[in-house]
Amino acid sequence: MVKISGFIYFLKQDNEASLNSIRRNHRKSINKYCSKEKNYICRYHSLTQVNILDSSEKDKCPIIFLPGILGSRLYTQDGQLVWFSIYGISRNTENLAIENELAVKNNFTNLNGKPAVEREYGSVGLYLPLIDRLCADFPDREIYLFSYDFRKSCADTADKLNEQIEFILNNSAHEKVDVVGHSMGGLVISSYAEKYGTEKLNKIVTLGTPYEGAPNCIYVTVNGAFFGLPYYLIEQSGITREMVSKYPGVIELFPSVEYLKNHPFKEDEKTLSTEETENILRDKFGELYDISQAKIFSRNVNGAHKIAALNNSYFAVGKNRLTTISVIFKDGITKKIYSRKGDGDVPYDSGTMFGLLEKLGEDDKGRKRFVSFSVKHNNLLIAPEPLNWIRSVLS
């Protein structure tokens, strides 16, 4: 045994009597790692026990999956489901106003070992194939789905992600977690890296993440649509353009300044300068637009680009699908300009950081760090090829 910072740690396996002695003498939650010696890592957790990992097990760290926008189930503080439930929306639309605090459930529940009926799959079951595949492929690893309030800024959500990572590691023998983010989930990971660094992230995987934004979000927000919901449902539910336009999380999905420079918007037949486009958006969304653009720039420079420079980061995008790459402002609403350079939701330039990710090579085991699949945005979570690639990366 060795004493570090006033606490006694075990450096290798010993008899149960010695372990019991440590348990009796140290009832406080230490939550610090000991030195690594002779293929063992030792850590106190749950106040009463010591976990010892053989080196062959230490890479089997917990996996956290982060869904995209609208992908999390949201509840009122008294536990009533608000999103997504057609019944809940139609009767309780006011709960979706940004002023109201909403909650999530099951973030701290290890989904592995749970029967399917008890697993968390997000708001519309979109993540069922991926979650079930992760549980099947990695039966000896902890699997978590990180639900979050997608109305809020990615920076705020990053704080919640940090809480979850700390909880998992404080109740585990592992030093790091693997994170897999789809769409907006990848932006949350970037915000986390910006605020908390990457020391506790083992492997970082993002799927169809709009690093430079998605013009379709402007179309959705200006026109008062709500991400694919039928207009009759929007009208019946009372979800308004004003309500959605106050969501920082939505405005942070708007195209970056860099994107606007490369893909100009139009007003009627006139091609707009970047400054002219920004002025239109300021008129519509006020100071929230400028606040969001500052966060987008900082998140990319201090988060996403730093992640891309790591050898343990991996990126997948969809392609060859009709995608909104720009918009036309006309008569108070917007119209879409399409291209097949994207996954149907995220333009290829945005998903690849304008080609930066395409230049990534292989990791030290020969696995490609950037891949593209001819699939739609959500099929990155369903199609066999992307799922097989995710498995190979996390193995």
Protein backbone atom coordinates (compact mmCIF):
# COMPACT_ATOMS: atom_id res chain seq x y z
CA MET A 1 0.00 0.00 0.00
CA VAL A 2 1.03 3.59 -0.52
CA LYS A 3 -0.22 6.81 1.00
CA ILE A 4 -1.04 9.63 -1.43
CA SER A 5 -2.39 13.04 -0.35
CA GLY A 6 -3.41 11.69 3.02
CA PHE A 7 -5.42 8.74 1.68
CA ILE A 8 -4.46 5.08 1.54
CA TYR A 9 -4.72 3.35 -1.84
CA PHE A 10 -4.25 -0.23 -2.90
CA LEU A 11 -1.93 -0.70 -5.86
CA LYS A 12 -2.58 -4.34 -6.60
CA GLN A 13 -4.88 -7.16 -5.64
CA ASP A 14 -4.62 -8.35 -2.08
CA ASN A 15 -6.71 -10.35 0.31
CA GLU A 16 -10.25 -9.44 1.28
CA ALA A 17 -9.21 -8.68 4.84
CA SER A 18 -6.98 -5.86 3.65
CA LEU A 19 -9.75 -4.45 1.48
CA ASN A 20 -12.16 -4.58 4.39
CA SER A 21 -9.64 -2.71 6.50
CA ILE A 22 -9.57 0.09 3.95
CA ARG A 23 -13.34 0.20 3.87
CA ARG A 24 -13.54 0.48 7.66
CA ASN A 25 -10.92 3.18 7.94
CA HIS A 26 -12.04 5.38 5.06
CA ARG A 27 -15.72 6.17 4.88
CA LYS A 28 -15.39 9.42 2.95
CA SER A 29 -15.87 9.57 -0.78
CA ILE A 30 -12.33 10.02 -2.06
CA ASN A 31 -13.03 9.98 -5.78
CA LYS A 32 -9.41 10.29 -6.80
CA TYR A 33 -7.36 7.91 -8.84
CA CYS A 34 -4.29 6.23 -7.49
CA SER A 35 -1.07 5.67 -9.36
CA LYS A 36 -1.06 3.00 -12.07
CA GLU A 37 1.26 0.14 -11.23
CA LYS A 38 1.52 -3.44 -12.35
CA ASN A 39 -1.52 -3.31 -14.63
CA TYR A 40 -4.00 -2.22 -11.99
CA ILE A 41 -6.02 0.92 -11.42
CA CYS A 42 -7.60 1.36 -8.02
CA ARG A 43 -10.37 3.75 -7.03
CA TYR A 44 -12.78 4.22 -4.15
CA HIS A 45 -16.42 4.63 -5.07
CA SER A 46 -19.89 4.52 -3.50
CA LEU A 47 -18.27 5.24 -0.12
CA THR A 48 -17.81 1.59 0.79
CA GLN A 49 -15.99 -0.33 -1.89
CA VAL A 50 -12.81 -0.41 -3.90
CA ASN A 51 -12.79 -1.28 -7.60
CA ILE A 52 -9.70 -2.75 -9.21
CA LEU A 53 -9.42 -2.94 -12.98
CA ASP A 54 -7.05 -5.12 -14.89
CA SER A 55 -5.42 -3.27 -17.78
CA SER A 56 -7.37 -5.43 -20.25
CA GLU A 57 -10.60 -3.95 -18.82
CA LYS A 58 -9.67 -0.30 -18.43
CA ASP A 59 -10.49 0.57 -22.07
CA LYS A 60 -14.04 -0.78 -21.71
CA CYS A 61 -15.18 2.56 -20.40
CA PRO A 62 -18.81 3.72 -20.22
CA ILE A 63 -20.46 4.99 -23.41
CA ILE A 64 -22.69 8.10 -23.40
CA PHE A 65 -24.93 8.79 -26.39
CA LEU A 66 -26.14 12.35 -27.00
CA PRO A 67 -29.23 12.73 -29.25
CA GLY A 68 -29.93 15.60 -31.62
CA ILE A 69 -32.42 18.45 -31.32
CA LEU A 70 -35.93 17.28 -30.39
CA GLY A 71 -34.50 13.85 -29.55
CA SER A 72 -34.92 14.03 -25.77
CA ARG A 73 -38.11 13.51 -23.84
CA LEU A 74 -38.94 16.57 -21.74
CA TYR A 75 -41.12 16.63 -18.63
CA THR A 76 -42.69 19.21 -16.38
CA GLN A 77 -41.26 19.45 -12.89
CA ASP A 78 -44.08 17.24 -11.64
CA GLY A 79 -43.22 14.52 -14.16
CA GLN A 80 -45.77 15.13 -16.93
CA LEU A 81 -44.43 14.29 -20.40
CA VAL A 82 -44.40 17.37 -22.64
CA TRP A 83 -42.07 16.41 -25.50
CA PHE A 84 -42.75 14.34 -27.40
CA SER A 85 -46.38 13.56 -26.84
CA ILE A 86 -49.04 14.83 -29.27
CA TYR A 87 -51.52 14.72 -26.42
CA GLY A 88 -49.12 16.52 -24.10
CA ILE A 89 -48.30 19.24 -26.62
CA SER A 90 -51.89 19.92 -27.57
CA ARG A 91 -52.91 20.41 -23.96
CA ASN A 92 -49.79 21.94 -22.44
CA THR A 93 -48.13 24.03 -25.13
CA GLU A 94 -47.25 26.76 -22.65
CA ASN A 95 -44.82 24.37 -20.99
CA LEU A 96 -42.56 24.59 -24.05
CA ALA A 97 -42.01 28.33 -23.60
CA ILE A 98 -38.35 28.97 -22.80
CA GLU A 99 -39.31 30.61 -19.49
CA ASN A 100 -40.51 27.25 -18.13
CA GLU A 101 -38.00 24.83 -16.69
CA LEU A 102 -38.36 21.29 -18.00
CA ALA A 103 -36.76 18.11 -16.73
CA VAL A 104 -35.40 14.88 -18.20
CA LYS A 105 -35.35 11.34 -16.85
CA ASN A 106 -33.11 8.26 -16.86
CA ASN A 107 -29.81 10.04 -17.61
CA PHE A 108 -28.07 8.22 -14.78
CA THR A 109 -29.49 4.80 -15.63
CA ASN A 110 -27.18 2.23 -17.20
CA LEU A 111 -29.25 0.86 -20.08
CA ASN A 112 -27.17 -2.28 -20.48
CA GLY A 113 -28.78 -5.24 -18.79
CA LYS A 114 -32.17 -3.53 -18.82
CA PRO A 115 -34.98 -5.19 -20.78
CA ALA A 116 -35.93 -3.24 -23.90
CA VAL A 117 -39.19 -2.01 -22.37
CA GLU A 118 -37.21 -0.26 -19.61
CA ARG A 119 -34.56 1.38 -21.79
CA GLU A 120 -34.55 5.08 -22.63
CA TYR A 121 -34.75 5.61 -26.40
CA GLY A 122 -35.45 9.34 -26.59
CA SER A 123 -38.53 11.21 -27.75
CA VAL A 124 -39.73 9.21 -30.77
CA GLY A 125 -37.80 5.97 -30.52
CA LEU A 126 -35.36 7.08 -33.23
CA TYR A 127 -32.42 5.91 -31.17
CA LEU A 128 -33.71 2.40 -30.49
CA PRO A 129 -31.56 0.70 -33.18
CA LEU A 130 -28.37 2.38 -31.99
CA ILE A 131 -28.97 1.89 -28.26
CA ASP A 132 -29.92 -1.77 -28.71
CA ARG A 133 -26.92 -2.30 -30.98
CA LEU A 134 -24.55 -0.75 -28.43
CA CYS A 135 -25.98 -2.93 -25.66
CA ALA A 136 -25.66 -6.04 -27.84
CA ASP A 137 -22.15 -5.26 -29.09
CA PHE A 138 -20.79 -4.21 -25.69
CA PRO A 139 -22.63 -6.25 -23.05
CA ASP A 140 -19.91 -5.65 -20.45
CA ARG A 141 -19.94 -1.85 -20.75
CA GLU A 142 -22.19 0.78 -19.23
CA ILE A 143 -24.42 2.49 -21.82
CA TYR A 144 -26.16 5.81 -21.12
CA LEU A 145 -28.47 8.08 -23.11
CA PHE A 146 -27.93 11.73 -22.18
CA SER A 147 -31.26 13.51 -22.56
CA TYR A 148 -31.20 17.30 -22.45
CA ASP A 149 -33.38 20.37 -22.88
CA PHE A 150 -32.68 21.18 -26.53
CA ARG A 151 -34.32 24.59 -26.18
CA LYS A 152 -31.32 25.81 -24.22
CA SER A 153 -27.84 26.84 -25.30
CA CYS A 154 -25.34 24.07 -25.99
CA ALA A 155 -23.08 25.77 -23.46
CA ASP A 156 -25.70 25.30 -20.72
CA THR A 157 -26.23 21.70 -21.79
CA ALA A 158 -22.47 21.12 -21.57
CA ASP A 159 -22.71 21.84 -17.84
CA LYS A 160 -25.31 19.09 -17.51
CA LEU A 161 -23.12 16.73 -19.51
CA ASN A 162 -20.24 17.47 -17.16
CA GLU A 163 -22.46 16.56 -14.20
CA GLN A 164 -23.33 13.25 -15.83
CA ILE A 165 -19.71 12.42 -16.66
CA GLU A 166 -18.65 13.23 -13.09
CA PHE A 167 -21.45 11.07 -11.68
CA ILE A 168 -20.55 8.12 -13.88
CA LEU A 169 -16.83 8.30 -13.13
CA ASN A 170 -17.40 8.83 -9.42
CA ASN A 171 -19.40 5.59 -9.39
CA SER A 172 -17.11 3.65 -11.67
CA ALA A 173 -13.57 2.34 -11.75
CA HIS A 174 -12.88 4.13 -15.02
CA GLU A 175 -11.03 7.35 -15.71
CA LYS A 176 -12.79 8.28 -18.94
CA VAL A 177 -15.96 7.85 -20.97
CA ASP A 178 -16.66 7.42 -24.68
CA VAL A 179 -19.11 9.97 -26.11
CA VAL A 180 -21.20 9.57 -29.27
CA GLY A 181 -23.17 12.59 -30.45
CA HIS A 182 -25.73 12.81 -33.22
CA SER A 183 -26.38 16.18 -34.88
CA MET A 184 -26.83 18.78 -32.11
CA GLY A 185 -25.37 16.22 -29.69
CA GLY A 186 -22.02 16.73 -31.39
CA LEU A 187 -22.27 20.48 -30.76
CA VAL A 188 -22.88 19.79 -27.08
CA ILE A 189 -19.71 17.70 -27.03
CA SER A 190 -17.82 20.61 -28.64
CA SER A 191 -19.17 22.99 -26.00
CA TYR A 192 -18.15 20.54 -23.29
CA ALA A 193 -14.62 20.34 -24.72
CA GLU A 194 -14.47 24.13 -24.83
CA LYS A 195 -15.50 24.51 -21.18
CA TYR A 196 -14.09 21.40 -19.51
CA GLY A 197 -11.39 20.06 -21.82
CA THR A 198 -11.10 16.52 -23.16
CA GLU A 199 -9.13 14.81 -20.40
CA LYS A 200 -12.11 12.69 -19.36
CA LEU A 201 -13.10 11.75 -22.90
CA ASN A 202 -11.66 8.52 -24.25
CA LYS A 203 -13.17 8.39 -27.74
CA ILE A 204 -15.24 11.15 -29.31
CA VAL A 205 -17.64 10.23 -32.13
CA THR A 206 -19.97 12.66 -33.89
CA LEU A 207 -22.57 11.83 -36.54
CA GLY A 208 -24.04 14.40 -38.90
CA THR A 209 -23.11 17.34 -36.70
CA PRO A 210 -23.76 20.81 -38.23
CA TYR A 211 -20.54 22.45 -37.11
CA GLU A 212 -21.12 25.46 -39.36
CA GLY A 213 -24.88 25.46 -38.89
CA ALA A 214 -27.92 24.40 -40.91
CA PRO A 215 -29.85 26.87 -43.12
CA ASN A 216 -32.96 24.74 -42.69
CA CYS A 217 -33.16 26.01 -39.11
CA ILE A 218 -33.69 29.54 -40.41
CA TYR A 219 -36.44 28.31 -42.71
CA VAL A 220 -38.09 26.47 -39.82
CA THR A 221 -37.85 29.35 -37.37
CA VAL A 222 -38.83 32.23 -39.65
CA ASN A 223 -41.78 30.33 -41.11
CA GLY A 224 -43.00 29.11 -37.74
CA ALA A 225 -42.68 25.44 -38.64
CA PHE A 226 -41.38 23.12 -35.98
CA PHE A 227 -38.90 20.66 -37.47
CA GLY A 228 -41.11 18.42 -39.53
CA LEU A 229 -44.33 18.57 -37.53
CA PRO A 230 -47.39 18.79 -39.80
CA TYR A 231 -48.73 22.34 -40.06
CA TYR A 232 -52.18 21.25 -38.86
CA LEU A 233 -50.59 19.94 -35.68
CA ILE A 234 -48.62 23.15 -35.22
CA GLU A 235 -51.79 25.20 -35.57
CA GLN A 236 -53.74 22.98 -33.19
CA SER A 237 -50.98 22.85 -30.61
CA GLY A 238 -50.38 26.57 -30.45
CA ILE A 239 -46.61 26.29 -30.94
CA THR A 240 -45.75 29.70 -32.29
CA ARG A 241 -42.95 31.28 -34.29
CA GLU A 242 -42.33 33.60 -31.34
CA MET A 243 -41.94 30.67 -28.98
CA VAL A 244 -39.40 28.83 -31.14
CA SER A 245 -37.47 32.01 -31.99
CA LYS A 246 -36.59 32.43 -28.31
CA TYR A 247 -34.86 29.05 -28.04
CA PRO A 248 -31.09 29.67 -27.81
CA GLY A 249 -30.52 26.05 -28.84
CA VAL A 250 -32.34 26.61 -32.13
CA ILE A 251 -30.63 29.93 -32.93
CA GLU A 252 -27.24 28.31 -32.29
CA LEU A 253 -28.02 25.98 -35.20
CA PHE A 254 -28.14 28.93 -37.60
CA PRO A 255 -25.34 29.10 -40.19
CA SER A 256 -22.06 30.55 -38.98
CA VAL A 257 -20.63 33.74 -40.49
CA GLU A 258 -18.13 31.56 -42.32
CA TYR A 259 -20.97 29.56 -43.83
CA LEU A 260 -22.78 32.71 -44.97
CA LYS A 261 -19.61 33.90 -46.72
CA ASN A 262 -19.44 30.66 -48.71
CA HIS A 263 -23.17 30.21 -49.30
CA PRO A 264 -24.82 33.63 -49.67
CA PHE A 265 -28.53 34.03 -48.98
CA LYS A 266 -30.93 35.96 -51.23
CA GLU A 267 -33.69 38.50 -50.87
CA ASP A 268 -36.04 38.08 -53.80
CA GLU A 269 -33.57 37.88 -56.70
CA LYS A 270 -30.78 39.81 -55.01
CA THR A 271 -27.77 37.97 -53.62
CA LEU A 272 -27.08 39.30 -50.13
CA SER A 273 -23.74 40.10 -48.59
CA THR A 274 -22.92 38.46 -45.29
CA GLU A 275 -23.54 41.76 -43.50
CA GLU A 276 -26.93 42.20 -45.16
CA THR A 277 -28.00 38.67 -44.20
CA GLU A 278 -26.91 39.23 -40.62
CA ASN A 279 -28.87 42.48 -40.44
CA ILE A 280 -32.03 40.69 -41.57
CA LEU A 281 -31.52 38.02 -38.93
CA ARG A 282 -30.84 40.64 -36.26
CA ASP A 283 -34.11 42.34 -37.15
CA LYS A 284 -35.94 39.06 -36.72
CA PHE A 285 -34.19 37.62 -33.65
CA GLY A 286 -32.64 40.59 -31.87
CA GLU A 287 -29.60 40.29 -29.63
CA LEU A 288 -30.09 36.53 -29.32
CA TYR A 289 -28.70 36.24 -32.85
CA ASP A 290 -25.45 38.04 -32.00
CA ILE A 291 -25.09 36.12 -28.72
CA SER A 292 -25.55 32.85 -30.58
CA GLN A 293 -23.05 33.75 -33.31
CA ALA A 294 -20.43 34.54 -30.67
CA LYS A 295 -21.05 31.14 -29.09
CA ILE A 296 -20.87 29.39 -32.46
CA PHE A 297 -17.50 31.00 -33.24
CA SER A 298 -16.06 30.22 -29.82
CA ARG A 299 -17.43 26.66 -29.83
CA ASN A 300 -15.84 25.95 -33.21
CA VAL A 301 -12.45 27.51 -32.48
CA ASN A 302 -12.07 26.33 -28.89
CA GLY A 303 -14.09 23.13 -29.07
CA ALA A 304 -14.70 21.47 -32.43
CA HIS A 305 -11.35 22.32 -34.01
CA LYS A 306 -9.49 21.15 -30.93
CA ILE A 307 -11.43 17.87 -30.96
CA ALA A 308 -10.59 17.38 -34.63
CA ALA A 309 -6.90 17.71 -33.80
CA LEU A 310 -7.08 14.78 -31.36
CA ASN A 311 -6.23 11.27 -32.51
CA ASN A 312 -9.17 9.84 -30.56
CA SER A 313 -11.90 11.75 -32.42
CA TYR A 314 -14.04 10.29 -35.20
CA PHE A 315 -16.57 11.88 -37.56
CA ALA A 316 -19.28 10.56 -39.88
CA VAL A 317 -21.50 12.51 -42.27
CA GLY A 318 -24.28 11.69 -44.71
CA LYS A 319 -24.23 12.80 -48.33
CA ASN A 320 -25.99 12.79 -51.72
CA ARG A 321 -29.35 13.80 -50.29
CA LEU A 322 -31.42 16.84 -51.23
CA THR A 323 -30.42 19.43 -48.62
CA THR A 324 -31.20 23.07 -47.89
CA ILE A 325 -27.94 24.92 -48.47
CA SER A 326 -29.31 28.47 -48.56
CA VAL A 327 -32.58 30.40 -48.28
CA ILE A 328 -34.43 33.22 -50.03
CA PHE A 329 -36.15 35.89 -47.95
CA LYS A 330 -39.40 36.84 -49.67
CA ASP A 331 -42.58 38.47 -48.37
CA GLY A 332 -41.70 37.87 -44.73
CA ILE A 333 -41.00 34.17 -45.08
CA THR A 334 -38.17 32.07 -46.46
CA LYS A 335 -37.86 29.64 -49.33
CA LYS A 336 -35.27 26.93 -49.67
CA ILE A 337 -32.39 26.61 -52.11
CA TYR A 338 -31.47 22.95 -52.51
CA SER A 339 -28.41 20.92 -53.37
CA ARG A 340 -27.49 17.26 -53.07
CA LYS A 341 -24.39 18.21 -51.11
CA GLY A 342 -25.62 17.10 -47.72
CA ASP A 343 -27.60 14.53 -45.74
CA GLY A 344 -31.02 16.14 -46.13
CA ASP A 345 -30.63 18.32 -43.03
CA VAL A 346 -26.95 19.22 -42.70
CA PRO A 347 -24.97 20.62 -45.66
CA TYR A 348 -21.79 18.71 -46.44
CA ASP A 349 -19.65 21.83 -45.96
CA SER A 350 -21.10 22.31 -42.48
CA GLY A 351 -20.71 18.67 -41.45
CA THR A 352 -17.08 18.55 -42.60
CA MET A 353 -15.99 21.98 -41.27
CA PHE A 354 -15.47 23.05 -44.88
CA GLY A 355 -13.36 20.00 -45.69
CA LEU A 356 -11.17 20.05 -42.57
CA LEU A 357 -12.45 16.66 -41.43
CA GLU A 358 -11.87 15.09 -44.85
CA LYS A 359 -8.14 15.58 -44.30
CA LEU A 360 -8.06 13.44 -41.18
CA GLY A 361 -6.16 10.19 -41.55
CA GLU A 362 -6.35 6.99 -39.53
CA ASP A 363 -5.90 6.35 -35.84
CA ASP A 364 -3.09 4.19 -34.45
CA LYS A 365 -5.13 1.05 -35.19
CA GLY A 366 -5.74 1.91 -38.82
CA ARG A 367 -9.36 3.03 -38.43
CA LYS A 368 -10.57 5.95 -40.55
CA ARG A 369 -11.31 9.00 -38.45
CA PHE A 370 -13.59 10.53 -41.08
CA VAL A 371 -16.15 8.61 -43.12
CA SER A 372 -19.08 9.61 -45.32
CA PHE A 373 -22.11 7.49 -46.11
CA SER A 374 -24.73 7.92 -48.81
CA VAL A 375 -27.59 8.10 -46.28
CA LYS A 376 -30.01 10.62 -44.83
CA HIS A 377 -29.32 12.47 -41.61
CA ASN A 378 -31.25 10.16 -39.28
CA ASN A 379 -30.14 7.01 -41.10
CA LEU A 380 -26.65 7.55 -39.70
CA LEU A 381 -28.23 5.94 -36.63
CA ILE A 382 -30.00 3.12 -38.44
CA ALA A 383 -28.20 2.01 -41.59
CA PRO A 384 -25.88 -1.03 -41.23
CA GLU A 385 -22.73 0.64 -42.57
CA PRO A 386 -22.69 3.55 -40.10
CA LEU A 387 -23.60 1.23 -37.22
CA ASN A 388 -20.76 -1.13 -38.13
CA TRP A 389 -18.34 1.80 -38.30
CA ILE A 390 -19.46 3.04 -34.86
CA ARG A 391 -18.90 -0.43 -33.44
CA SER A 392 -15.39 -0.65 -34.93
CA VAL A 393 -14.45 2.74 -33.48
CA LEU A 394 -15.71 1.93 -29.99
CA SER A 395 -14.24 -1.58 -29.93
